[in-house]
Amino acid sequence: MNILGRLFPRSLTNAYQGSWAAVWLLAPVLIIKTMIGFNFSGLNPFISVSEVLQTVDGVPLDTFSPAAVASIISSAGAWGMALFALCLFTWLVVVRYRAGLPAAILLLLIEQVGRTGVDTVGLVAEVAATRAMPAAGAVINLGMTALLTIAFLLSLLRVKHLN
């Protein structure tokens, strides 16, 4: 089976062909992304989305008008719900349809890079130039991008599993 065949299998079974290291790299990222999606979607009554945006992501909400703050929080909530749904789908693939793991990891990677790609390049350049410590959310995103990239590549490798 070629790489495209492993990425898009004819049937979604529980027969995973890739490296199990990919699953171990995916697991912590998936746990973190599921928690982030749950918290940002507003489903967690103990977490304030505005507090997370200000402390973890470094968004200065107090400098915006009330209407802008409401719009930012609403957008973060919509993104959180979409991320939570994507993570639930990925958990289903991990548990039941492992042949689809490469495609599920690719979807998470596309979401991650699409959301943070341009900012990551600027972040690396800024840190290199000023040696200033970036926001915690930026560091977490950079680590998750690296782990997802490695997991995706490992999931495409054909590995003979011991029975």
N, C-alpha and C. Protein backbone atom coordinates (compact mmCIF):
# COMPACT_ATOMS: atom_id res chain seq x y z
N MET A 1 0.85 -1.17 0.00
CA MET A 1 0.00 0.00 0.00
C MET A 1 0.91 1.24 0.00
N ASN A 2 0.62 2.17 -0.87
CA ASN A 2 1.42 3.39 -0.96
C ASN A 2 1.00 4.40 0.11
N ILE A 3 1.67 5.54 0.13
CA ILE A 3 1.41 6.54 1.17
C ILE A 3 -0.02 7.07 1.07
N LEU A 4 -0.51 7.34 -0.13
CA LEU A 4 -1.88 7.83 -0.27
C LEU A 4 -2.88 6.78 0.20
N GLY A 5 -2.57 5.51 -0.04
CA GLY A 5 -3.44 4.43 0.43
C GLY A 5 -3.48 4.36 1.94
N ARG A 6 -2.37 4.68 2.61
CA ARG A 6 -2.36 4.69 4.08
C ARG A 6 -3.06 5.94 4.62
N LEU A 7 -2.94 7.04 3.86
CA LEU A 7 -3.59 8.28 4.29
C LEU A 7 -5.11 8.20 4.11
N PHE A 8 -5.54 7.58 3.00
CA PHE A 8 -6.96 7.45 2.70
C PHE A 8 -7.28 5.97 2.42
N PRO A 9 -7.40 5.15 3.47
CA PRO A 9 -7.65 3.72 3.26
C PRO A 9 -9.04 3.47 2.66
N ARG A 10 -9.15 2.35 1.95
CA ARG A 10 -10.44 2.00 1.33
C ARG A 10 -11.52 1.77 2.37
N SER A 11 -11.15 1.18 3.48
CA SER A 11 -12.13 0.96 4.55
C SER A 11 -11.49 1.33 5.89
N LEU A 12 -12.31 1.87 6.76
CA LEU A 12 -11.83 2.27 8.09
C LEU A 12 -12.01 1.10 9.05
N THR A 13 -10.94 0.40 9.26
CA THR A 13 -10.95 -0.72 10.19
C THR A 13 -10.10 -0.36 11.40
N ASN A 14 -9.90 -1.31 12.27
CA ASN A 14 -9.05 -1.10 13.42
C ASN A 14 -7.62 -1.57 13.15
N ALA A 15 -7.32 -1.90 11.88
CA ALA A 15 -5.99 -2.39 11.51
C ALA A 15 -5.09 -1.20 11.17
N TYR A 16 -4.33 -0.76 12.15
CA TYR A 16 -3.43 0.38 11.98
C TYR A 16 -2.10 -0.12 11.43
N GLN A 17 -1.61 0.51 10.36
CA GLN A 17 -0.39 0.08 9.69
C GLN A 17 0.85 0.89 10.10
N GLY A 18 0.66 2.06 10.71
CA GLY A 18 1.77 2.95 11.00
C GLY A 18 2.48 2.62 12.30
N SER A 19 3.41 3.49 12.66
CA SER A 19 4.19 3.32 13.88
C SER A 19 3.35 3.68 15.10
N TRP A 20 3.45 2.85 16.13
CA TRP A 20 2.72 3.14 17.36
C TRP A 20 3.30 4.35 18.09
N ALA A 21 4.52 4.74 17.73
CA ALA A 21 5.09 5.97 18.31
C ALA A 21 4.23 7.18 17.92
N ALA A 22 3.61 7.12 16.75
CA ALA A 22 2.73 8.21 16.32
C ALA A 22 1.54 8.35 17.27
N VAL A 23 1.00 7.22 17.71
CA VAL A 23 -0.13 7.25 18.64
C VAL A 23 0.31 7.83 19.98
N TRP A 24 1.50 7.45 20.43
CA TRP A 24 2.00 7.97 21.71
C TRP A 24 2.31 9.46 21.63
N LEU A 25 2.72 9.95 20.47
CA LEU A 25 2.94 11.39 20.31
C LEU A 25 1.62 12.13 20.17
N LEU A 26 0.64 11.48 19.54
CA LEU A 26 -0.67 12.10 19.36
C LEU A 26 -1.42 12.22 20.68
N ALA A 27 -1.31 11.23 21.54
CA ALA A 27 -2.12 11.17 22.77
C ALA A 27 -2.02 12.44 23.63
N PRO A 28 -0.83 12.92 24.00
CA PRO A 28 -0.81 14.13 24.84
C PRO A 28 -1.35 15.36 24.12
N VAL A 29 -1.08 15.46 22.82
CA VAL A 29 -1.60 16.60 22.06
C VAL A 29 -3.12 16.54 22.02
N LEU A 30 -3.66 15.35 21.79
CA LEU A 30 -5.11 15.19 21.71
C LEU A 30 -5.77 15.47 23.06
N ILE A 31 -5.14 15.05 24.14
CA ILE A 31 -5.67 15.35 25.48
C ILE A 31 -5.70 16.87 25.70
N ILE A 32 -4.60 17.53 25.39
CA ILE A 32 -4.52 18.99 25.59
C ILE A 32 -5.52 19.71 24.70
N LYS A 33 -5.59 19.34 23.41
CA LYS A 33 -6.51 20.00 22.49
C LYS A 33 -7.97 19.75 22.88
N THR A 34 -8.28 18.57 23.40
CA THR A 34 -9.64 18.28 23.85
C THR A 34 -10.00 19.18 25.04
N MET A 35 -9.05 19.31 25.98
CA MET A 35 -9.30 20.18 27.13
C MET A 35 -9.44 21.64 26.71
N ILE A 36 -8.59 22.07 25.77
CA ILE A 36 -8.67 23.45 25.29
C ILE A 36 -10.02 23.69 24.61
N GLY A 37 -10.42 22.77 23.74
CA GLY A 37 -11.71 22.91 23.06
C GLY A 37 -12.87 22.93 24.05
N PHE A 38 -12.83 22.04 25.05
CA PHE A 38 -13.88 21.99 26.06
C PHE A 38 -13.94 23.30 26.84
N ASN A 39 -12.78 23.81 27.22
CA ASN A 39 -12.74 25.04 28.01
C ASN A 39 -13.14 26.27 27.19
N PHE A 40 -12.64 26.38 25.96
CA PHE A 40 -12.93 27.54 25.15
C PHE A 40 -14.35 27.55 24.61
N SER A 41 -14.96 26.38 24.51
CA SER A 41 -16.32 26.32 23.98
C SER A 41 -17.35 26.85 24.97
N GLY A 42 -16.94 27.02 26.22
CA GLY A 42 -17.85 27.48 27.24
C GLY A 42 -18.55 26.35 27.96
N LEU A 43 -18.17 25.11 27.67
CA LEU A 43 -18.79 23.96 28.32
C LEU A 43 -18.31 23.79 29.75
N ASN A 44 -17.14 24.32 30.07
CA ASN A 44 -16.60 24.22 31.43
C ASN A 44 -17.03 25.46 32.22
N PRO A 45 -17.90 25.29 33.21
CA PRO A 45 -18.39 26.47 33.96
C PRO A 45 -17.35 27.07 34.90
N PHE A 46 -16.23 26.37 35.11
CA PHE A 46 -15.22 26.84 36.05
C PHE A 46 -14.10 27.64 35.38
N ILE A 47 -14.12 27.73 34.07
CA ILE A 47 -13.07 28.42 33.32
C ILE A 47 -13.66 29.64 32.63
N SER A 48 -13.02 30.77 32.81
CA SER A 48 -13.42 32.01 32.15
C SER A 48 -12.61 32.15 30.86
N VAL A 49 -13.29 32.17 29.74
CA VAL A 49 -12.61 32.29 28.45
C VAL A 49 -11.82 33.60 28.38
N SER A 50 -12.39 34.66 28.90
CA SER A 50 -11.68 35.95 28.85
C SER A 50 -10.41 35.90 29.70
N GLU A 51 -10.45 35.22 30.82
CA GLU A 51 -9.25 35.09 31.68
C GLU A 51 -8.17 34.30 30.96
N VAL A 52 -8.55 33.21 30.30
CA VAL A 52 -7.58 32.40 29.55
C VAL A 52 -6.99 33.21 28.40
N LEU A 53 -7.83 33.95 27.70
CA LEU A 53 -7.33 34.77 26.59
C LEU A 53 -6.30 35.79 27.08
N GLN A 54 -6.55 36.38 28.24
CA GLN A 54 -5.63 37.39 28.76
C GLN A 54 -4.36 36.79 29.34
N THR A 55 -4.47 35.73 30.12
CA THR A 55 -3.29 35.21 30.83
C THR A 55 -2.46 34.27 29.98
N VAL A 56 -3.09 33.31 29.34
CA VAL A 56 -2.34 32.30 28.59
C VAL A 56 -1.97 32.79 27.19
N ASP A 57 -2.95 33.38 26.51
CA ASP A 57 -2.70 33.80 25.13
C ASP A 57 -2.17 35.23 25.00
N GLY A 58 -2.20 35.98 26.08
CA GLY A 58 -1.64 37.34 26.05
C GLY A 58 -2.47 38.34 25.27
N VAL A 59 -3.79 38.13 25.17
CA VAL A 59 -4.67 39.06 24.47
C VAL A 59 -5.08 40.16 25.46
N PRO A 60 -4.75 41.43 25.16
CA PRO A 60 -5.09 42.53 26.09
C PRO A 60 -6.55 42.96 25.93
N LEU A 61 -7.47 42.16 26.48
CA LEU A 61 -8.89 42.44 26.30
C LEU A 61 -9.32 43.78 26.90
N ASP A 62 -8.63 44.23 27.94
CA ASP A 62 -9.02 45.48 28.58
C ASP A 62 -8.74 46.71 27.72
N THR A 63 -8.02 46.54 26.61
CA THR A 63 -7.76 47.66 25.71
C THR A 63 -8.80 47.77 24.60
N PHE A 64 -9.74 46.83 24.55
CA PHE A 64 -10.76 46.83 23.50
C PHE A 64 -12.08 47.34 24.06
N SER A 65 -12.96 47.76 23.16
CA SER A 65 -14.31 48.18 23.56
C SER A 65 -15.11 46.95 23.99
N PRO A 66 -16.16 47.14 24.78
CA PRO A 66 -16.98 46.00 25.21
C PRO A 66 -17.53 45.18 24.03
N ALA A 67 -17.90 45.84 22.94
CA ALA A 67 -18.42 45.13 21.77
C ALA A 67 -17.32 44.27 21.14
N ALA A 68 -16.11 44.80 21.08
CA ALA A 68 -14.99 44.03 20.52
C ALA A 68 -14.65 42.84 21.41
N VAL A 69 -14.66 43.04 22.72
CA VAL A 69 -14.39 41.94 23.66
C VAL A 69 -15.44 40.84 23.50
N ALA A 70 -16.71 41.24 23.39
CA ALA A 70 -17.78 40.25 23.19
C ALA A 70 -17.58 39.48 21.90
N SER A 71 -17.14 40.15 20.86
CA SER A 71 -16.89 39.50 19.57
C SER A 71 -15.71 38.54 19.65
N ILE A 72 -14.66 38.95 20.34
CA ILE A 72 -13.48 38.09 20.50
C ILE A 72 -13.84 36.84 21.30
N ILE A 73 -14.58 37.01 22.38
CA ILE A 73 -14.97 35.87 23.22
C ILE A 73 -15.91 34.94 22.45
N SER A 74 -16.81 35.52 21.66
CA SER A 74 -17.72 34.71 20.84
C SER A 74 -16.95 33.91 19.80
N SER A 75 -15.96 34.54 19.17
CA SER A 75 -15.13 33.84 18.18
C SER A 75 -14.32 32.73 18.83
N ALA A 76 -13.79 33.01 20.00
CA ALA A 76 -13.02 31.99 20.72
C ALA A 76 -13.93 30.81 21.10
N GLY A 77 -15.15 31.10 21.49
CA GLY A 77 -16.11 30.05 21.83
C GLY A 77 -16.47 29.19 20.62
N ALA A 78 -16.67 29.83 19.47
CA ALA A 78 -16.99 29.08 18.25
C ALA A 78 -15.81 28.20 17.85
N TRP A 79 -14.60 28.76 17.92
CA TRP A 79 -13.42 27.96 17.62
C TRP A 79 -13.29 26.80 18.61
N GLY A 80 -13.54 27.06 19.89
CA GLY A 80 -13.45 26.02 20.91
C GLY A 80 -14.41 24.88 20.64
N MET A 81 -15.64 25.20 20.23
CA MET A 81 -16.62 24.16 19.95
C MET A 81 -16.19 23.34 18.73
N ALA A 82 -15.68 24.01 17.71
CA ALA A 82 -15.20 23.29 16.51
C ALA A 82 -14.01 22.40 16.87
N LEU A 83 -13.10 22.90 17.68
CA LEU A 83 -11.95 22.11 18.10
C LEU A 83 -12.39 20.91 18.95
N PHE A 84 -13.34 21.13 19.83
CA PHE A 84 -13.84 20.03 20.67
C PHE A 84 -14.47 18.94 19.80
N ALA A 85 -15.26 19.33 18.80
CA ALA A 85 -15.87 18.35 17.89
C ALA A 85 -14.80 17.60 17.10
N LEU A 86 -13.78 18.31 16.62
CA LEU A 86 -12.69 17.66 15.89
C LEU A 86 -11.95 16.67 16.79
N CYS A 87 -11.74 17.02 18.03
CA CYS A 87 -11.07 16.12 18.97
C CYS A 87 -11.92 14.90 19.28
N LEU A 88 -13.23 15.07 19.43
CA LEU A 88 -14.10 13.92 19.66
C LEU A 88 -14.05 12.96 18.47
N PHE A 89 -14.03 13.51 17.26
CA PHE A 89 -13.89 12.69 16.06
C PHE A 89 -12.56 11.93 16.09
N THR A 90 -11.49 12.61 16.46
CA THR A 90 -10.18 11.96 16.50
C THR A 90 -10.14 10.88 17.57
N TRP A 91 -10.77 11.11 18.73
CA TRP A 91 -10.84 10.06 19.76
C TRP A 91 -11.56 8.83 19.22
N LEU A 92 -12.63 9.05 18.45
CA LEU A 92 -13.35 7.93 17.84
C LEU A 92 -12.43 7.14 16.91
N VAL A 93 -11.63 7.85 16.13
CA VAL A 93 -10.68 7.18 15.22
C VAL A 93 -9.64 6.40 16.02
N VAL A 94 -9.11 6.99 17.08
CA VAL A 94 -8.09 6.33 17.89
C VAL A 94 -8.65 5.05 18.51
N VAL A 95 -9.87 5.11 19.00
CA VAL A 95 -10.44 3.97 19.70
C VAL A 95 -10.97 2.90 18.74
N ARG A 96 -11.62 3.30 17.65
CA ARG A 96 -12.35 2.32 16.85
C ARG A 96 -11.88 2.18 15.40
N TYR A 97 -11.44 3.24 14.76
CA TYR A 97 -11.13 3.21 13.32
C TYR A 97 -9.67 3.60 13.08
N ARG A 98 -8.75 2.85 13.65
CA ARG A 98 -7.33 3.24 13.64
C ARG A 98 -6.72 3.33 12.25
N ALA A 99 -7.30 2.68 11.27
CA ALA A 99 -6.77 2.81 9.91
C ALA A 99 -6.86 4.26 9.43
N GLY A 100 -7.75 5.03 10.02
CA GLY A 100 -7.91 6.44 9.66
C GLY A 100 -7.05 7.39 10.46
N LEU A 101 -6.12 6.87 11.26
CA LEU A 101 -5.27 7.75 12.09
C LEU A 101 -4.46 8.75 11.28
N PRO A 102 -3.81 8.34 10.17
CA PRO A 102 -3.06 9.35 9.42
C PRO A 102 -3.92 10.53 8.97
N ALA A 103 -5.14 10.26 8.49
CA ALA A 103 -6.02 11.34 8.05
C ALA A 103 -6.47 12.19 9.23
N ALA A 104 -6.76 11.56 10.38
CA ALA A 104 -7.19 12.31 11.56
C ALA A 104 -6.06 13.20 12.07
N ILE A 105 -4.84 12.66 12.08
CA ILE A 105 -3.69 13.47 12.52
C ILE A 105 -3.48 14.63 11.55
N LEU A 106 -3.64 14.35 10.25
CA LEU A 106 -3.49 15.42 9.25
C LEU A 106 -4.53 16.52 9.48
N LEU A 107 -5.77 16.15 9.80
CA LEU A 107 -6.79 17.17 10.08
C LEU A 107 -6.40 18.03 11.27
N LEU A 108 -5.91 17.41 12.34
CA LEU A 108 -5.45 18.18 13.50
C LEU A 108 -4.27 19.08 13.15
N LEU A 109 -3.37 18.56 12.32
CA LEU A 109 -2.20 19.34 11.90
C LEU A 109 -2.62 20.53 11.04
N ILE A 110 -3.57 20.32 10.14
CA ILE A 110 -4.07 21.42 9.31
C ILE A 110 -4.71 22.50 10.19
N GLU A 111 -5.50 22.08 11.18
CA GLU A 111 -6.10 23.05 12.10
C GLU A 111 -5.03 23.81 12.86
N GLN A 112 -4.03 23.09 13.35
CA GLN A 112 -2.97 23.69 14.15
C GLN A 112 -2.14 24.68 13.32
N VAL A 113 -1.68 24.25 12.17
CA VAL A 113 -0.84 25.12 11.33
C VAL A 113 -1.67 26.26 10.74
N GLY A 114 -2.90 25.95 10.35
CA GLY A 114 -3.76 27.00 9.80
C GLY A 114 -4.05 28.10 10.79
N ARG A 115 -4.16 27.75 12.04
CA ARG A 115 -4.48 28.73 13.09
C ARG A 115 -3.23 29.46 13.58
N THR A 116 -2.09 28.77 13.60
CA THR A 116 -0.91 29.38 14.23
C THR A 116 0.29 29.52 13.30
N GLY A 117 0.17 29.10 12.06
CA GLY A 117 1.33 29.05 11.16
C GLY A 117 2.08 30.35 10.99
N VAL A 118 1.36 31.40 10.61
CA VAL A 118 2.01 32.69 10.38
C VAL A 118 2.56 33.25 11.68
N ASP A 119 1.79 33.11 12.75
CA ASP A 119 2.26 33.60 14.05
C ASP A 119 3.49 32.86 14.54
N THR A 120 3.59 31.56 14.22
CA THR A 120 4.74 30.77 14.66
C THR A 120 6.02 31.26 14.01
N VAL A 121 5.97 31.57 12.73
CA VAL A 121 7.15 32.09 12.03
C VAL A 121 7.58 33.42 12.66
N GLY A 122 6.61 34.30 12.91
CA GLY A 122 6.92 35.57 13.55
C GLY A 122 7.43 35.40 14.96
N LEU A 123 6.88 34.43 15.69
CA LEU A 123 7.31 34.16 17.06
C LEU A 123 8.76 33.71 17.11
N VAL A 124 9.11 32.77 16.24
CA VAL A 124 10.49 32.28 16.21
C VAL A 124 11.45 33.42 15.87
N ALA A 125 11.09 34.25 14.92
CA ALA A 125 11.94 35.39 14.53
C ALA A 125 12.07 36.38 15.69
N GLU A 126 10.97 36.65 16.38
CA GLU A 126 10.99 37.60 17.49
C GLU A 126 11.84 37.09 18.65
N VAL A 127 11.69 35.81 18.97
CA VAL A 127 12.46 35.23 20.06
C VAL A 127 13.94 35.24 19.72
N ALA A 128 14.27 34.93 18.46
CA ALA A 128 15.67 34.94 18.04
C ALA A 128 16.26 36.34 18.09
N ALA A 129 15.46 37.35 17.76
CA ALA A 129 15.97 38.72 17.72
C ALA A 129 16.03 39.36 19.10
N THR A 130 15.02 39.16 19.93
CA THR A 130 14.96 39.88 21.20
C THR A 130 15.26 39.03 22.43
N ARG A 131 15.26 37.72 22.27
CA ARG A 131 15.48 36.78 23.37
C ARG A 131 14.40 36.91 24.46
N ALA A 132 13.26 37.52 24.10
CA ALA A 132 12.15 37.67 25.04
C ALA A 132 11.34 36.38 25.09
N MET A 133 10.82 36.07 26.26
CA MET A 133 10.01 34.87 26.43
C MET A 133 8.61 35.13 25.88
N PRO A 134 8.14 34.29 24.95
CA PRO A 134 6.80 34.48 24.39
C PRO A 134 5.72 34.03 25.37
N ALA A 135 4.47 34.31 25.03
CA ALA A 135 3.35 33.89 25.87
C ALA A 135 3.32 32.37 25.96
N ALA A 136 2.79 31.87 27.07
CA ALA A 136 2.74 30.42 27.29
C ALA A 136 1.97 29.70 26.19
N GLY A 137 0.89 30.31 25.72
CA GLY A 137 0.09 29.69 24.66
C GLY A 137 0.89 29.51 23.38
N ALA A 138 1.77 30.45 23.07
CA ALA A 138 2.59 30.36 21.86
C ALA A 138 3.58 29.20 21.96
N VAL A 139 4.16 29.01 23.13
CA VAL A 139 5.10 27.91 23.34
C VAL A 139 4.37 26.57 23.24
N ILE A 140 3.20 26.48 23.85
CA ILE A 140 2.40 25.26 23.79
C ILE A 140 2.03 24.94 22.35
N ASN A 141 1.61 25.96 21.60
CA ASN A 141 1.24 25.75 20.19
C ASN A 141 2.43 25.28 19.36
N LEU A 142 3.59 25.83 19.60
CA LEU A 142 4.79 25.42 18.87
C LEU A 142 5.12 23.96 19.16
N GLY A 143 5.02 23.56 20.42
CA GLY A 143 5.28 22.17 20.79
C GLY A 143 4.26 21.22 20.17
N MET A 144 2.98 21.61 20.18
CA MET A 144 1.95 20.75 19.59
C MET A 144 2.13 20.63 18.08
N THR A 145 2.54 21.70 17.42
CA THR A 145 2.79 21.63 15.98
C THR A 145 3.91 20.65 15.68
N ALA A 146 4.98 20.71 16.46
CA ALA A 146 6.10 19.79 16.26
C ALA A 146 5.68 18.35 16.50
N LEU A 147 4.96 18.09 17.59
CA LEU A 147 4.52 16.72 17.89
C LEU A 147 3.56 16.19 16.83
N LEU A 148 2.63 17.02 16.37
CA LEU A 148 1.69 16.57 15.35
C LEU A 148 2.40 16.28 14.02
N THR A 149 3.38 17.09 13.68
CA THR A 149 4.13 16.86 12.44
C THR A 149 4.87 15.52 12.49
N ILE A 150 5.54 15.27 13.60
CA ILE A 150 6.27 14.01 13.74
C ILE A 150 5.29 12.83 13.78
N ALA A 151 4.18 12.98 14.50
CA ALA A 151 3.18 11.91 14.57
C ALA A 151 2.61 11.61 13.20
N PHE A 152 2.34 12.64 12.41
CA PHE A 152 1.81 12.43 11.07
C PHE A 152 2.79 11.64 10.21
N LEU A 153 4.05 12.05 10.23
CA LEU A 153 5.05 11.34 9.43
C LEU A 153 5.20 9.89 9.88
N LEU A 154 5.22 9.66 11.19
CA LEU A 154 5.34 8.30 11.71
C LEU A 154 4.10 7.45 11.40
N SER A 155 2.94 8.09 11.33
CA SER A 155 1.71 7.34 11.03
C SER A 155 1.68 6.84 9.59
N LEU A 156 2.46 7.48 8.73
CA LEU A 156 2.50 7.06 7.32
C LEU A 156 3.50 5.94 7.07
N LEU A 157 4.41 5.72 8.03
CA LEU A 157 5.39 4.65 7.86
C LEU A 157 4.70 3.30 7.96
N ARG A 158 5.11 2.40 7.12
CA ARG A 158 4.57 1.04 7.20
C ARG A 158 5.46 0.26 8.15
N VAL A 159 4.87 -0.20 9.25
CA VAL A 159 5.61 -0.92 10.28
C VAL A 159 4.97 -2.29 10.44
N LYS A 160 5.82 -3.31 10.50
CA LYS A 160 5.29 -4.65 10.76
C LYS A 160 5.13 -4.81 12.26
N HIS A 161 3.90 -5.04 12.67
CA HIS A 161 3.61 -5.20 14.09
C HIS A 161 3.72 -6.66 14.48
N LEU A 162 4.26 -6.90 15.67
CA LEU A 162 4.36 -8.27 16.18
C LEU A 162 2.99 -8.74 16.64
N ASN A 163 2.65 -9.96 16.30
CA ASN A 163 1.35 -10.50 16.70
C ASN A 163 1.46 -11.34 17.93
